[in-house]
Amino acid sequence: MTIAVLLVEDVKHLRGIVADLLATLGDFKVVGEVATEAEAILWLEEHPGGWDLAVIDLILEQGTGMGVVARCRQRPEGSKVVVFSDYATPGIQKHCIKLGADAVFQKSHDVQDFIAWCSALLPGPQAGTPAIAPPKSPAAGPPAR
């Protein structure tokens, strides 16, 4: 089953990086790419049920990702909303969850957790196991025995 992704990110090259990353994990397909809150809300209105995963940055060309997260409350059953932003402080994370996000990750610190979370959405035996081995974090402790 292909996971249809709406990508809400204002920086074009980062949209490409996230799309490529998701493609390496498995059967993810970006079905919409937008850079502003207004574009995201219009896309959601024009494509009800047309997405399974929304990946949302908080700082956009116009508006904020928080407005998009709130709009995603009216979402297809089983769809997921993840915030992936450098501005996800602990207070912002709590607020995003309260608005309806399923998960919140910082781009600069939580990439491996974002990869693992997205991988877990895939059906079948590969669920939770990325198609690529994530690099070890230098901050990680020794492997568990």
Foldseek 3Di string as FASTA:
>chain_A
DAFEEAEEAADVVVSVVVQVLLVQQDRYDHPHYYFEPVVLLVVCVVQAVNGQEYEHEQDGPYHGSLSNLLSCVSHDPNHAYEYEYQPCDVVNQVSSVVSPHPYYYYNVPCPVVVSQVSQLSDDDPSRSPGSDDDDDDPPDDDDDD
